Amino acid sequence: MDAEELEKVYEVPYGKKGSLIYIELHKSLFPPESEAYGDLNRFFANVHEDAIDIRIDGTDIRTMGYTDHLFYLICQKHILNGVVNGAVK
């Protein structure tokens, strides 16, 4: 994937031949072009500034703050179940 293509895509896949590991790096929490939930990114505008550091098995990890993380999971759950603003689509 060249630099121009990289700018246009929402997710960047990575996989090593012969490996079972496949990683998708998402450039935003929700696809911006999505009519269903692309607008939700606005709620996470400060996600990088509000990030926290946690330690897992001796390794420091930078991640979303607790409130942002919970809200993100709630947004995903409702969207995956087809519920938006309390109404079933």
C-alpha atoms as a PDB file:
ATOM      1  CA  MET A   1       0.000   0.000   0.000  1.00  0.00           C
ATOM      2  CA  ASP A   2       1.508   3.320  -1.027  1.00  0.00           C
ATOM      3  CA  ALA A   3       1.247   6.621   0.901  1.00  0.00           C
ATOM      4  CA  GLU A   4      -1.668   7.903  -1.195  1.00  0.00           C
ATOM      5  CA  GLU A   5      -3.706   4.742  -0.604  1.00  0.00           C
ATOM      6  CA  LEU A   6      -2.818   4.834   3.089  1.00  0.00           C
ATOM      7  CA  GLU A   7      -4.334   8.319   3.442  1.00  0.00           C
ATOM      8  CA  LYS A   8      -7.653   7.159   1.980  1.00  0.00           C
ATOM      9  CA  VAL A   9      -8.308   4.011   3.997  1.00  0.00           C
ATOM     10  CA  TYR A  10      -9.940   3.722   7.427  1.00  0.00           C
ATOM     11  CA  GLU A  11      -8.058   0.620   8.508  1.00  0.00           C
ATOM     12  CA  VAL A  12      -4.583  -0.619   7.712  1.00  0.00           C
ATOM     13  CA  PRO A  13      -4.143  -4.411   7.728  1.00  0.00           C
ATOM     14  CA  TYR A  14      -0.937  -6.123   8.751  1.00  0.00           C
ATOM     15  CA  GLY A  15      -0.208  -9.794   8.452  1.00  0.00           C
ATOM     16  CA  LYS A  16       2.981 -11.760   8.194  1.00  0.00           C
ATOM     17  CA  LYS A  17       3.026 -14.607   5.693  1.00  0.00           C
ATOM     18  CA  GLY A  18       2.965 -17.932   7.475  1.00  0.00           C
ATOM     19  CA  SER A  19       1.772 -16.360  10.725  1.00  0.00           C
ATOM     20  CA  LEU A  20      -1.640 -16.719  12.338  1.00  0.00           C
ATOM     21  CA  ILE A  21      -1.466 -13.135  13.566  1.00  0.00           C
ATOM     22  CA  TYR A  22      -3.477 -10.563  11.641  1.00  0.00           C
ATOM     23  CA  ILE A  23      -3.720  -6.985  12.907  1.00  0.00           C
ATOM     24  CA  GLU A  24      -5.964  -4.166  11.728  1.00  0.00           C
ATOM     25  CA  LEU A  25      -4.924  -0.658  12.704  1.00  0.00           C
ATOM     26  CA  HIS A  26      -7.884   1.717  12.706  1.00  0.00           C
ATOM     27  CA  LYS A  27      -7.103   5.370  12.037  1.00  0.00           C
ATOM     28  CA  SER A  28     -10.213   6.481  13.941  1.00  0.00           C
ATOM     29  CA  LEU A  29     -12.572   4.751  16.344  1.00  0.00           C
ATOM     30  CA  PHE A  30     -15.427   4.689  13.832  1.00  0.00           C
ATOM     31  CA  PRO A  31     -15.245   4.896  10.029  1.00  0.00           C
ATOM     32  CA  PRO A  32     -15.714   8.631   9.312  1.00  0.00           C
ATOM     33  CA  GLU A  33     -17.555   7.977   6.044  1.00  0.00           C
ATOM     34  CA  SER A  34     -20.184   5.798   7.749  1.00  0.00           C
ATOM     35  CA  GLU A  35     -23.636   7.378   7.752  1.00  0.00           C
ATOM     36  CA  ALA A  36     -24.686   5.110  10.623  1.00  0.00           C
ATOM     37  CA  TYR A  37     -21.982   5.988  13.140  1.00  0.00           C
ATOM     38  CA  GLY A  38     -19.167   8.018  11.582  1.00  0.00           C
ATOM     39  CA  ASP A  39     -20.373  11.088  13.464  1.00  0.00           C
ATOM     40  CA  LEU A  40     -19.583   9.389  16.805  1.00  0.00           C
ATOM     41  CA  ASN A  41     -15.898  10.251  16.369  1.00  0.00           C
ATOM     42  CA  ARG A  42     -16.735  13.778  17.573  1.00  0.00           C
ATOM     43  CA  PHE A  43     -17.291  12.424  21.086  1.00  0.00           C
ATOM     44  CA  PHE A  44     -13.702  11.179  21.106  1.00  0.00           C
ATOM     45  CA  ALA A  45     -11.980  14.326  19.826  1.00  0.00           C
ATOM     46  CA  ASN A  46      -9.804  14.526  22.975  1.00  0.00           C
ATOM     47  CA  VAL A  47      -9.161  10.813  23.345  1.00  0.00           C
ATOM     48  CA  HIS A  48      -5.388  11.207  22.895  1.00  0.00           C
ATOM     49  CA  GLU A  49      -5.113  14.065  25.377  1.00  0.00           C
ATOM     50  CA  ASP A  50      -7.219  12.144  27.932  1.00  0.00           C
ATOM     51  CA  ALA A  51      -5.335   8.852  27.517  1.00  0.00           C
ATOM     52  CA  ILE A  52      -3.973   7.068  30.570  1.00  0.00           C
ATOM     53  CA  ASP A  53      -0.987   4.818  31.210  1.00  0.00           C
ATOM     54  CA  ILE A  54      -1.553   1.378  32.681  1.00  0.00           C
ATOM     55  CA  ARG A  55       0.855  -1.450  33.442  1.00  0.00           C
ATOM     56  CA  ILE A  56       0.117  -4.967  32.226  1.00  0.00           C
ATOM     57  CA  ASP A  57       2.535  -7.768  33.115  1.00  0.00           C
ATOM     58  CA  GLY A  58       5.304  -5.235  33.650  1.00  0.00           C
ATOM     59  CA  THR A  59       4.714  -3.387  30.376  1.00  0.00           C
ATOM     60  CA  ASP A  60       3.431   0.191  30.274  1.00  0.00           C
ATOM     61  CA  ILE A  61       0.535   0.646  27.869  1.00  0.00           C
ATOM     62  CA  ARG A  62      -1.067   3.942  26.797  1.00  0.00           C
ATOM     63  CA  THR A  63      -4.812   3.535  26.351  1.00  0.00           C
ATOM     64  CA  MET A  64      -8.100   5.399  26.442  1.00  0.00           C
ATOM     65  CA  GLY A  65      -9.230   6.784  29.776  1.00  0.00           C
ATOM     66  CA  TYR A  66     -11.796   4.718  31.670  1.00  0.00           C
ATOM     67  CA  THR A  67     -14.780   6.922  30.756  1.00  0.00           C
ATOM     68  CA  ASP A  68     -13.830   7.128  27.066  1.00  0.00           C
ATOM     69  CA  HIS A  69     -13.280   3.381  26.927  1.00  0.00           C
ATOM     70  CA  LEU A  70     -16.624   2.578  28.546  1.00  0.00           C
ATOM     71  CA  PHE A  71     -18.457   5.028  26.290  1.00  0.00           C
ATOM     72  CA  TYR A  72     -16.738   3.528  23.224  1.00  0.00           C
ATOM     73  CA  LEU A  73     -17.851   0.028  24.228  1.00  0.00           C
ATOM     74  CA  ILE A  74     -21.416   1.268  24.792  1.00  0.00           C
ATOM     75  CA  CYS A  75     -21.456   2.947  21.366  1.00  0.00           C
ATOM     76  CA  GLN A  76     -20.227  -0.217  19.682  1.00  0.00           C
ATOM     77  CA  LYS A  77     -22.673  -2.463  21.519  1.00  0.00           C
ATOM     78  CA  HIS A  78     -25.673  -0.363  20.565  1.00  0.00           C
ATOM     79  CA  ILE A  79     -24.559  -0.035  16.961  1.00  0.00           C
ATOM     80  CA  LEU A  80     -23.813  -3.728  16.559  1.00  0.00           C
ATOM     81  CA  ASN A  81     -27.263  -4.532  17.948  1.00  0.00           C
ATOM     82  CA  GLY A  82     -28.931  -2.011  15.623  1.00  0.00           C
ATOM     83  CA  VAL A  83     -30.019   0.299  18.427  1.00  0.00           C
ATOM     84  CA  VAL A  84     -29.386   4.006  17.940  1.00  0.00           C
ATOM     85  CA  ASN A  85     -30.872   6.737  20.185  1.00  0.00           C
ATOM     86  CA  GLY A  86     -33.069   4.167  21.909  1.00  0.00           C
ATOM     87  CA  ALA A  87     -34.802   3.107  18.695  1.00  0.00           C
ATOM     88  CA  VAL A  88     -34.385  -0.172  16.886  1.00  0.00           C
ATOM     89  CA  LYS A  89     -33.489   0.290  13.235  1.00  0.00           C
END
